[in-house]
Amino acid sequence: MPRYTSPRRTASDARGTSSFYPDDSGRWEGTGTSVRVVVGAQFGDEAKGKITDFLAADARYVVRTGGGPNAGHSIHLPEGTVVLHQLACGVLRHGVVGISGPGMVLQPMKLEAELQDLEKRGLLRGQVVLSDRAHVLLPVHEIEDAWQDEMRAGKAPGASLGTTKSGIGPAYADRSGRFGIRMGDLARPARVKEALEILYATKTHLPNLPAKDDLAGELAEVGSRLAPLIQSTEPMLWDAIGRGENILLEGAQSALLDVDFGTYPFVTSSHPTSAGALVGSGIPPTEVDEVIGVSKAYSTRVGAGPFPTEDTGESGEYLRRVGGERGATTGRPRRCGWLDLVLLRYAARLNGFTSLAVTKVDVLGGLEEVPVCTHYQMPDGSTVRDVLPSDADDLLRAQPMYDRLPGWPAFHQRLKDRVRAEGASALPSTLRRYLDRITEETGVPVQYVGYGADRSETVALGFPSGPARRASLTPWTG
């Protein structure tokens, strides 16, 4: 496989004629080395894709660092909405390299279909690279995922995790158990067949598995077509840092779904934190300049698990309807509630956020007041302000305590046009006070605000005067 040698390398450069490599026009000019990490600060679905796409305008490389086809990042372009499942947001921009990184689990057949759809729509504008270290998610894993959740529900109704049944958990389990197949292995059919023999020996409890030989043949075929895109990505990124080019690490899922630090067992099977982004890309921590936490102005969650600020009444239904809160991958309605500052403080502490992006403020526009959870009252009378109980049952018993802040005007088109033309100064004063309250409570400045679904409906606020207060330097009061 040819070695990556230049940021200008495209399909014509010793890679065959794959149409998945559109030739980028003009040389990208960097604006100084920067490695940024984008992390979801809640339970997922915070519009990380929108913020990553916004920031990708200044990046040369965008690296998706974890997850797989269970997550969908929705980008609203003038040509229509795109939902990226296994590709990094950078593939939508000319001159940007979008890397599906080594921390991912990739379903190659679905990945190829995703590439073909983007190409057909004329939206595949960047360069696509797939890490040879990323693991292969198989149809076997999808079957196992559904079997496991049905088994849990059968043993105890409350034990169902409500997974997307995309095979994520079993694929990561096989990676850790060293039964996995990696993307780089697809070029070695004999190795894949041997690996499937061993893997199938661990799956004898599962029904309706595809025939091993048929699956091996399918993997060989799709692997041959994806081969021009598969390469070692860590040296590429290390060289980019040496050249002074900008890199953006794109998280999937969110910090509160981390397999260790989230609401276990109602979590994903990877590490969607800033630390996980480093493991999932191969970039050392000393190279990171910014960690941007993405939070909605309210809260949502898909699937089972504790959700202290969930509103199951009319307000929750209002947020769901106005916010269009349905899963990008499954279409399931999201559970909705108010902003939880306890969990946002915890996420800031865990990830070392240097700034926040607050999205979907337009959904709350027009409300007279907006509740925010400032702390929990626990059954024993204690107060919790910035820690996540390690036991999910304890979080279920937490009683959220609210402050009610003044609302702001509805984001009609005239207001959106003003913000687009004048910048942050056009944001309503009551909304600015809401954002200031988030900064005061978390110790992290709000730097970006999303006020609509469109790619252009994001505004940078600029940091407040004086040095920014990093979450890693805020007093710990747990």
Protein backbone atom coordinates (compact mmCIF):
# COMPACT_ATOMS: atom_id res chain seq x y z
CA MET A 1 0.00 0.00 0.00
CA PRO A 2 1.50 3.39 -0.95
CA ARG A 3 2.66 5.62 1.88
CA TYR A 4 0.89 8.94 2.43
CA THR A 5 3.35 11.68 1.54
CA SER A 6 1.42 14.88 0.83
CA PRO A 7 -1.72 16.68 1.96
CA ARG A 8 -2.44 17.25 -1.74
CA ARG A 9 -2.48 13.56 -2.58
CA THR A 10 -5.66 12.49 -4.36
CA ALA A 11 -7.03 9.65 -6.45
CA SER A 12 -4.51 10.16 -9.23
CA ASP A 13 -1.59 9.68 -6.84
CA ALA A 14 -0.90 5.94 -6.88
CA ARG A 15 -4.36 5.09 -5.59
CA GLY A 16 -6.03 3.81 -8.70
CA THR A 17 -9.15 5.53 -9.99
CA SER A 18 -11.49 5.37 -7.00
CA SER A 19 -14.18 8.00 -7.47
CA PHE A 20 -14.36 8.28 -3.67
CA TYR A 21 -11.39 10.69 -3.94
CA PRO A 22 -12.63 13.87 -5.60
CA ASP A 23 -9.72 16.08 -6.56
CA ASP A 24 -9.63 19.13 -4.27
CA SER A 25 -9.06 22.38 -6.06
CA GLY A 26 -6.36 24.73 -4.84
CA ARG A 27 -3.92 24.32 -1.98
CA TRP A 28 -5.28 24.54 1.53
CA GLU A 29 -3.54 27.21 3.58
CA GLY A 30 -3.34 26.60 7.33
CA THR A 31 -3.78 29.33 9.92
CA GLY A 32 -1.34 27.91 12.47
CA THR A 33 -1.17 24.55 14.16
CA SER A 34 -4.26 23.66 16.15
CA VAL A 35 -5.58 20.36 17.46
CA ARG A 36 -9.17 20.72 18.63
CA VAL A 37 -11.35 18.05 20.20
CA VAL A 38 -15.16 18.17 19.98
CA VAL A 39 -16.91 16.22 22.76
CA GLY A 40 -20.59 15.75 23.49
CA ALA A 41 -21.31 17.06 26.98
CA GLN A 42 -24.65 15.34 27.60
CA PHE A 43 -26.32 12.07 26.55
CA GLY A 44 -25.67 12.52 22.83
CA ASP A 45 -27.56 14.26 20.03
CA GLU A 46 -26.24 17.71 21.00
CA ALA A 47 -25.63 18.70 17.35
CA LYS A 48 -21.96 17.74 17.48
CA GLY A 49 -22.08 17.20 13.74
CA LYS A 50 -23.22 20.78 13.17
CA ILE A 51 -20.46 22.21 15.37
CA THR A 52 -17.82 19.92 13.88
CA ASP A 53 -18.86 20.91 10.37
CA PHE A 54 -18.70 24.59 11.37
CA LEU A 55 -15.19 24.19 12.77
CA ALA A 56 -14.09 22.02 9.84
CA ALA A 57 -14.00 25.16 7.69
CA ASP A 58 -10.62 25.91 9.35
CA ALA A 59 -9.31 22.34 9.46
CA ARG A 60 -7.19 20.28 7.13
CA TYR A 61 -8.04 16.98 8.83
CA VAL A 62 -11.23 15.92 10.61
CA VAL A 63 -10.93 12.63 12.47
CA ARG A 64 -13.87 10.69 13.82
CA THR A 65 -12.42 8.87 16.79
CA GLY A 66 -14.99 6.33 18.01
CA GLY A 67 -18.32 4.64 17.56
CA GLY A 68 -19.75 3.27 14.36
CA PRO A 69 -23.04 3.08 12.47
CA ASN A 70 -25.05 3.61 15.65
CA ALA A 71 -24.47 7.37 15.57
CA GLY A 72 -25.73 9.84 12.99
CA HIS A 73 -24.33 13.35 12.63
CA SER A 74 -26.85 15.52 10.78
CA ILE A 75 -25.54 18.38 8.64
CA HIS A 76 -28.03 20.76 7.02
CA LEU A 77 -26.54 21.97 3.74
CA PRO A 78 -28.12 24.19 1.09
CA GLU A 79 -28.42 21.02 -1.03
CA GLY A 80 -30.30 19.17 1.70
CA THR A 81 -29.68 17.31 4.93
CA VAL A 82 -26.84 14.80 5.19
CA VAL A 83 -26.62 12.22 7.97
CA LEU A 84 -23.10 10.86 8.39
CA HIS A 85 -22.89 7.56 10.24
CA GLN A 86 -19.34 6.29 9.74
CA LEU A 87 -17.62 9.14 7.93
CA ALA A 88 -16.04 12.22 9.46
CA CYS A 89 -17.68 15.58 8.78
CA GLY A 90 -14.64 16.72 6.83
CA VAL A 91 -15.72 14.74 3.77
CA LEU A 92 -18.32 17.43 3.07
CA ARG A 93 -15.73 20.20 2.55
CA HIS A 94 -13.31 20.72 -0.31
CA GLY A 95 -9.66 20.40 0.66
CA VAL A 96 -10.39 18.57 3.93
CA VAL A 97 -9.35 15.01 4.71
CA GLY A 98 -12.04 13.10 6.60
CA ILE A 99 -10.58 10.18 8.55
CA SER A 100 -12.57 7.33 10.08
CA GLY A 101 -10.09 6.70 12.85
CA PRO A 102 -8.57 3.68 14.59
CA GLY A 103 -10.98 3.92 17.53
CA MET A 104 -14.01 3.19 15.33
CA VAL A 105 -15.85 -0.02 14.52
CA LEU A 106 -16.86 0.13 10.86
CA GLN A 107 -19.53 -1.88 9.06
CA PRO A 108 -17.92 -1.97 5.59
CA MET A 109 -21.02 -2.79 3.56
CA LYS A 110 -22.99 0.08 5.12
CA LEU A 111 -19.95 2.33 4.85
CA GLU A 112 -19.72 1.71 1.12
CA ALA A 113 -23.42 2.50 0.74
CA GLU A 114 -22.88 5.77 2.66
CA LEU A 115 -20.04 6.73 0.33
CA GLN A 116 -22.08 5.90 -2.75
CA ASP A 117 -25.03 7.97 -1.53
CA LEU A 118 -22.86 11.04 -0.93
CA GLU A 119 -21.17 10.62 -4.28
CA LYS A 120 -24.51 10.29 -6.07
CA ARG A 121 -25.72 13.51 -4.45
CA GLY A 122 -22.52 15.34 -5.37
CA LEU A 123 -21.72 16.02 -1.72
CA LEU A 124 -18.53 13.97 -1.32
CA ARG A 125 -16.12 16.89 -1.56
CA GLY A 126 -13.28 16.04 0.77
CA GLN A 127 -10.85 13.16 0.80
CA VAL A 128 -11.87 9.91 2.55
CA VAL A 129 -9.38 7.87 4.56
CA LEU A 130 -10.19 4.77 6.63
CA SER A 131 -7.80 3.67 9.36
CA ASP A 132 -6.35 0.22 8.86
CA ARG A 133 -6.55 -0.20 12.66
CA ALA A 134 -10.31 0.41 12.88
CA HIS A 135 -12.20 -2.79 13.60
CA VAL A 136 -14.75 -4.40 11.33
CA LEU A 137 -18.32 -4.57 12.60
CA LEU A 138 -19.98 -7.67 11.14
CA PRO A 139 -23.60 -8.70 10.56
CA VAL A 140 -22.83 -11.27 13.27
CA HIS A 141 -22.44 -8.41 15.74
CA GLU A 142 -25.78 -6.89 14.76
CA ILE A 143 -27.50 -10.22 15.40
CA GLU A 144 -25.69 -10.56 18.73
CA ASP A 145 -26.64 -7.03 19.80
CA ALA A 146 -30.35 -7.71 19.27
CA TRP A 147 -30.08 -11.11 20.99
CA GLN A 148 -28.36 -9.61 24.03
CA ASP A 149 -30.92 -6.87 24.54
CA GLU A 150 -33.82 -9.30 24.15
CA MET A 151 -32.14 -11.61 26.66
CA ARG A 152 -31.74 -8.78 29.16
CA ALA A 153 -35.37 -7.75 28.80
CA GLY A 154 -36.49 -11.36 29.22
CA LYS A 155 -34.55 -11.78 32.45
CA ALA A 156 -35.56 -8.40 33.91
CA PRO A 157 -37.79 -5.88 32.06
CA GLY A 158 -35.84 -2.91 33.42
CA ALA A 159 -32.51 -4.34 32.27
CA SER A 160 -33.00 -3.58 28.57
CA LEU A 161 -30.49 -0.95 27.44
CA GLY A 162 -32.49 0.22 24.45
CA THR A 163 -29.51 -0.06 22.12
CA THR A 164 -29.70 0.79 18.43
CA LYS A 165 -29.00 -2.91 17.71
CA SER A 166 -26.23 -1.79 15.37
CA GLY A 167 -23.73 -4.28 16.79
CA ILE A 168 -21.54 -1.73 18.55
CA GLY A 169 -21.22 -3.46 21.93
CA PRO A 170 -20.43 -6.94 20.54
CA ALA A 171 -17.91 -5.46 18.06
CA TYR A 172 -16.04 -3.63 20.81
CA ALA A 173 -16.23 -6.71 23.02
CA ASP A 174 -14.60 -8.81 20.31
CA ARG A 175 -11.96 -6.13 19.83
CA SER A 176 -11.10 -6.29 23.53
CA GLY A 177 -11.29 -10.10 23.49
CA ARG A 178 -8.88 -10.14 20.51
CA PHE A 179 -11.31 -11.92 18.25
CA GLY A 180 -11.68 -8.90 16.00
CA ILE A 181 -10.99 -8.30 12.33
CA ARG A 182 -9.43 -4.96 11.40
CA MET A 183 -9.98 -2.94 8.26
CA GLY A 184 -6.39 -3.61 7.20
CA ASP A 185 -7.13 -7.34 7.31
CA LEU A 186 -9.68 -7.07 4.51
CA ALA A 187 -6.85 -7.19 1.97
CA ARG A 188 -5.89 -10.63 3.34
CA PRO A 189 -8.82 -13.00 2.61
CA ALA A 190 -7.06 -16.03 4.12
CA ARG A 191 -6.61 -14.18 7.39
CA VAL A 192 -10.25 -13.10 7.40
CA LYS A 193 -11.46 -16.67 6.84
CA GLU A 194 -9.28 -17.92 9.71
CA ALA A 195 -10.52 -15.14 11.99
CA LEU A 196 -14.15 -15.96 11.14
CA GLU A 197 -13.58 -19.60 12.07
CA ILE A 198 -12.43 -18.56 15.52
CA LEU A 199 -15.06 -15.86 15.91
CA TYR A 200 -17.94 -18.15 14.96
CA ALA A 201 -16.78 -20.64 17.58
CA THR A 202 -17.63 -17.99 20.20
CA LYS A 203 -21.12 -17.33 18.74
CA THR A 204 -22.70 -20.80 18.78
CA HIS A 205 -25.50 -19.50 21.01
CA LEU A 206 -26.74 -17.10 18.33
CA PRO A 207 -29.51 -17.91 15.82
CA ASN A 208 -29.54 -17.32 12.06
CA LEU A 209 -25.89 -16.47 11.53
CA PRO A 210 -24.83 -15.96 7.91
CA ALA A 211 -22.73 -18.74 6.43
CA LYS A 212 -19.04 -18.18 7.14
CA ASP A 213 -17.95 -18.68 3.54
CA ASP A 214 -20.60 -16.29 2.24
CA LEU A 215 -19.56 -13.63 4.74
CA ALA A 216 -15.88 -14.14 3.95
CA GLY A 217 -16.62 -13.70 0.25
CA GLU A 218 -18.64 -10.53 0.87
CA LEU A 219 -15.87 -9.05 3.01
CA ALA A 220 -13.28 -9.86 0.33
CA GLU A 221 -15.35 -8.10 -2.32
CA VAL A 222 -16.11 -4.96 -0.33
CA GLY A 223 -12.55 -4.91 0.99
CA SER A 224 -11.14 -4.84 -2.53
CA ARG A 225 -13.34 -1.85 -3.39
CA LEU A 226 -12.47 0.05 -0.20
CA ALA A 227 -8.77 -0.83 -0.37
CA PRO A 228 -7.69 2.51 -1.92
CA LEU A 229 -9.10 4.31 1.12
CA ILE A 230 -7.56 2.13 3.85
CA GLN A 231 -4.19 3.17 5.24
CA SER A 232 -2.23 3.94 8.38
CA THR A 233 -3.55 7.23 9.71
CA GLU A 234 -1.38 8.00 12.73
CA PRO A 235 1.75 8.93 10.71
CA MET A 236 -0.44 11.09 8.50
CA LEU A 237 -1.63 13.08 11.53
CA TRP A 238 1.81 13.27 13.14
CA ASP A 239 3.23 14.63 9.87
CA ALA A 240 0.36 17.13 9.67
CA ILE A 241 1.19 18.44 13.14
CA GLY A 242 4.79 18.82 12.03
CA ARG A 243 3.66 20.81 8.99
CA GLY A 244 1.54 23.13 11.12
CA GLU A 245 -1.85 22.00 9.78
CA ASN A 246 -5.11 22.11 11.72
CA ILE A 247 -6.68 18.91 13.01
CA LEU A 248 -10.19 18.49 14.41
CA LEU A 249 -11.11 15.37 16.41
CA GLU A 250 -14.81 14.58 16.13
CA GLY A 251 -16.45 12.62 18.93
CA ALA A 252 -19.45 10.35 18.54
CA GLN A 253 -21.98 9.75 21.34
CA SER A 254 -21.14 11.75 24.47
CA ALA A 255 -19.34 11.90 27.78
CA LEU A 256 -22.30 10.71 29.87
CA LEU A 257 -22.39 7.55 27.73
CA ASP A 258 -18.73 6.68 28.36
CA VAL A 259 -18.37 3.00 29.27
CA ASP A 260 -16.43 3.90 32.44
CA PHE A 261 -17.58 7.39 33.38
CA GLY A 262 -21.17 7.46 32.12
CA THR A 263 -24.45 6.15 33.51
CA TYR A 264 -23.31 2.51 33.43
CA PRO A 265 -24.70 0.11 32.24
CA PHE A 266 -26.84 2.49 30.15
CA VAL A 267 -23.84 3.58 28.10
CA THR A 268 -22.08 2.94 24.82
CA SER A 269 -19.11 0.56 24.58
CA SER A 270 -16.35 3.06 23.83
CA HIS A 271 -14.84 6.20 25.35
CA PRO A 272 -16.56 9.30 23.87
CA THR A 273 -14.51 11.65 26.06
CA SER A 274 -11.54 13.89 25.28
CA ALA A 275 -9.21 11.14 26.50
CA GLY A 276 -10.98 8.64 24.27
CA ALA A 277 -10.52 10.95 21.28
CA LEU A 278 -6.76 10.75 21.75
CA VAL A 279 -6.78 6.95 21.97
CA GLY A 280 -9.09 6.82 18.95
CA SER A 281 -6.82 8.98 16.80
CA GLY A 282 -3.26 8.29 17.94
CA ILE A 283 -2.59 11.95 18.77
CA PRO A 284 -0.74 12.49 22.06
CA PRO A 285 -2.31 14.70 24.74
CA THR A 286 0.53 17.21 24.61
CA GLU A 287 -0.60 18.28 21.14
CA VAL A 288 -4.18 19.25 22.09
CA ASP A 289 -4.95 22.97 22.11
CA GLU A 290 -8.70 23.06 22.74
CA VAL A 291 -11.43 20.78 24.05
CA ILE A 292 -14.87 22.01 23.00
CA GLY A 293 -17.87 20.60 24.84
CA VAL A 294 -21.17 20.61 22.95
CA SER A 295 -24.41 20.99 24.91
CA LYS A 296 -27.96 21.73 23.91
CA ALA A 297 -29.67 24.60 25.67
CA TYR A 298 -31.85 21.84 27.12
CA SER A 299 -31.32 18.07 27.47
CA THR A 300 -32.33 14.94 25.59
CA ARG A 301 -31.66 11.23 25.81
CA VAL A 302 -32.38 8.24 23.56
CA GLY A 303 -32.87 4.78 25.01
CA ALA A 304 -33.02 3.63 28.60
CA GLY A 305 -31.16 5.02 31.60
CA PRO A 306 -31.44 7.73 34.25
CA PHE A 307 -32.35 11.23 33.11
CA PRO A 308 -32.87 13.51 36.14
CA THR A 309 -34.30 16.53 34.30
CA GLU A 310 -36.59 14.60 31.95
CA ASP A 311 -40.00 16.21 31.55
CA THR A 312 -42.65 13.63 30.66
CA GLY A 313 -45.45 16.18 30.45
CA GLU A 314 -46.44 18.95 28.06
CA SER A 315 -43.10 20.77 28.29
CA GLY A 316 -41.18 17.67 27.28
CA GLU A 317 -43.52 17.10 24.36
CA TYR A 318 -43.09 20.76 23.33
CA LEU A 319 -39.29 20.38 23.27
CA ARG A 320 -39.59 17.17 21.26
CA ARG A 321 -41.92 18.71 18.71
CA VAL A 322 -40.23 22.09 18.26
CA GLY A 323 -36.72 20.63 18.45
CA GLY A 324 -37.48 17.82 16.00
CA GLU A 325 -36.13 15.40 18.57
CA ARG A 326 -35.90 12.06 16.86
CA GLY A 327 -32.81 9.88 16.55
CA ALA A 328 -30.86 10.44 13.32
CA THR A 329 -30.08 6.70 13.07
CA THR A 330 -33.18 4.99 14.45
CA GLY A 331 -35.88 7.66 14.17
CA ARG A 332 -36.88 6.95 17.76
CA PRO A 333 -38.38 9.90 19.68
CA ARG A 334 -35.93 11.37 22.15
CA ARG A 335 -36.72 11.88 25.79
CA CYS A 336 -36.59 15.61 26.55
CA GLY A 337 -36.01 17.82 29.58
CA TRP A 338 -34.22 20.88 30.89
CA LEU A 339 -30.55 21.80 31.04
CA ASP A 340 -28.76 19.87 33.80
CA LEU A 341 -25.88 21.95 35.16
CA VAL A 342 -24.86 19.18 37.57
CA LEU A 343 -24.02 16.85 34.70
CA LEU A 344 -22.57 19.68 32.61
CA ARG A 345 -20.16 20.56 35.43
CA TYR A 346 -19.21 16.89 35.70
CA ALA A 347 -18.59 16.61 31.95
CA ALA A 348 -16.51 19.80 32.02
CA ARG A 349 -14.37 18.42 34.81
CA LEU A 350 -13.98 15.00 33.21
CA ASN A 351 -13.02 16.31 29.77
CA GLY A 352 -11.17 19.53 30.61
CA PHE A 353 -13.38 21.69 28.41
CA THR A 354 -11.73 24.93 27.35
CA SER A 355 -14.95 26.23 25.82
CA LEU A 356 -18.57 25.28 25.23
CA ALA A 357 -20.80 25.27 22.19
CA VAL A 358 -24.46 25.67 23.15
CA THR A 359 -26.86 24.57 20.42
CA LYS A 360 -30.57 24.79 19.64
CA VAL A 361 -31.17 27.97 21.63
CA ASP A 362 -33.86 28.75 19.04
CA VAL A 363 -35.96 25.84 20.32
CA LEU A 364 -36.44 27.66 23.64
CA GLY A 365 -37.12 31.01 21.97
CA GLY A 366 -40.51 32.44 22.88
CA LEU A 367 -40.78 30.79 26.31
CA GLU A 368 -41.50 33.13 29.20
CA GLU A 369 -39.01 31.36 31.45
CA VAL A 370 -36.46 28.59 31.10
CA PRO A 371 -35.76 26.19 34.00
CA VAL A 372 -32.18 25.05 34.64
CA CYS A 373 -31.20 22.37 37.16
CA THR A 374 -28.56 23.79 39.50
CA HIS A 375 -28.21 20.86 41.95
CA TYR A 376 -29.79 17.61 43.11
CA GLN A 377 -31.45 16.84 46.41
CA MET A 378 -30.76 13.24 47.39
CA PRO A 379 -33.04 10.99 49.50
CA ASP A 380 -30.63 11.18 52.44
CA GLY A 381 -30.86 14.99 52.46
CA SER A 382 -27.47 15.58 50.85
CA THR A 383 -26.90 17.94 47.95
CA VAL A 384 -25.05 17.06 44.75
CA ARG A 385 -23.66 19.80 42.53
CA ASP A 386 -20.98 18.41 40.23
CA VAL A 387 -20.56 14.66 40.53
CA LEU A 388 -22.18 11.78 38.72
CA PRO A 389 -23.08 8.96 41.11
CA SER A 390 -21.29 5.81 40.02
CA ASP A 391 -24.48 3.79 40.48
CA ALA A 392 -27.26 4.54 37.99
CA ASP A 393 -29.92 3.74 40.59
CA ASP A 394 -28.64 6.60 42.76
CA LEU A 395 -29.04 9.00 39.86
CA LEU A 396 -32.58 7.73 39.34
CA ARG A 397 -33.41 8.86 42.89
CA ALA A 398 -31.90 12.34 42.48
CA GLN A 399 -34.42 15.18 42.75
CA PRO A 400 -33.45 18.04 40.41
CA MET A 401 -33.69 21.54 41.89
CA TYR A 402 -34.34 24.36 39.43
CA ASP A 403 -33.73 28.03 38.95
CA ARG A 404 -36.08 29.67 36.47
CA LEU A 405 -34.43 32.19 34.19
CA PRO A 406 -36.09 34.74 31.90
CA GLY A 407 -36.78 33.50 28.39
CA TRP A 408 -35.81 35.20 25.14
CA PRO A 409 -37.66 36.10 21.95
CA ALA A 410 -38.47 33.56 19.27
CA PHE A 411 -35.84 33.20 16.56
CA HIS A 412 -37.87 34.43 13.63
CA GLN A 413 -36.08 34.80 10.31
CA ARG A 414 -35.48 38.52 10.86
CA LEU A 415 -33.60 37.82 14.09
CA LYS A 416 -31.60 35.06 12.41
CA ASP A 417 -30.68 37.43 9.60
CA ARG A 418 -29.51 40.02 12.13
CA VAL A 419 -27.32 37.51 13.96
CA ARG A 420 -25.85 36.32 10.68
CA ALA A 421 -25.09 39.91 9.65
CA GLU A 422 -24.08 41.47 12.98
CA GLY A 423 -22.73 38.50 14.93
CA ALA A 424 -23.10 37.83 18.64
CA SER A 425 -24.09 41.40 19.47
CA ALA A 426 -27.48 40.73 17.87
CA LEU A 427 -28.34 37.89 20.27
CA PRO A 428 -31.15 38.82 22.69
CA SER A 429 -29.88 40.13 26.03
CA THR A 430 -31.82 37.53 28.03
CA LEU A 431 -30.21 34.76 25.98
CA ARG A 432 -26.78 36.27 26.67
CA ARG A 433 -27.58 36.20 30.38
CA TYR A 434 -28.58 32.54 30.05
CA LEU A 435 -25.24 31.76 28.40
CA ASP A 436 -23.40 33.80 31.03
CA ARG A 437 -25.11 31.74 33.72
CA ILE A 438 -23.82 28.55 32.09
CA THR A 439 -20.30 29.99 32.12
CA GLU A 440 -20.62 31.06 35.76
CA GLU A 441 -21.89 27.63 36.82
CA THR A 442 -19.35 25.54 34.88
CA GLY A 443 -16.29 27.79 34.81
CA VAL A 444 -16.13 27.28 31.04
CA PRO A 445 -16.78 30.13 28.58
CA VAL A 446 -19.47 29.68 25.95
CA GLN A 447 -17.70 30.27 22.66
CA TYR A 448 -20.19 29.08 20.04
CA VAL A 449 -23.98 29.28 19.81
CA GLY A 450 -26.18 27.36 17.40
CA TYR A 451 -29.46 29.18 16.71
CA GLY A 452 -30.90 27.03 13.92
CA ALA A 453 -30.39 23.82 11.99
CA ASP A 454 -28.66 25.30 8.95
CA ARG A 455 -24.89 25.09 8.57
CA SER A 456 -24.67 28.91 8.62
CA GLU A 457 -26.74 29.34 11.79
CA THR A 458 -23.83 29.23 14.23
CA VAL A 459 -22.14 32.26 15.75
CA ALA A 460 -18.85 32.62 17.61
CA LEU A 461 -19.10 34.79 20.72
CA GLY A 462 -15.45 35.40 21.46
CA PHE A 463 -14.07 34.79 24.92
CA PRO A 464 -14.81 37.25 27.72
CA SER A 465 -12.16 39.80 28.60
CA GLY A 466 -9.29 38.43 30.64
CA PRO A 467 -7.97 34.88 30.67
CA ALA A 468 -10.46 32.11 30.00
CA ARG A 469 -11.29 30.00 33.04
CA ARG A 470 -10.50 26.40 32.18
CA ALA A 471 -12.64 23.72 33.75
CA SER A 472 -9.46 22.00 34.91
CA LEU A 473 -8.75 25.01 37.15
CA THR A 474 -12.17 25.46 38.71
CA PRO A 475 -12.61 24.59 42.40
CA TRP A 476 -13.75 21.05 43.04
CA THR A 477 -16.76 21.06 45.34
CA GLY A 478 -17.94 17.46 45.13
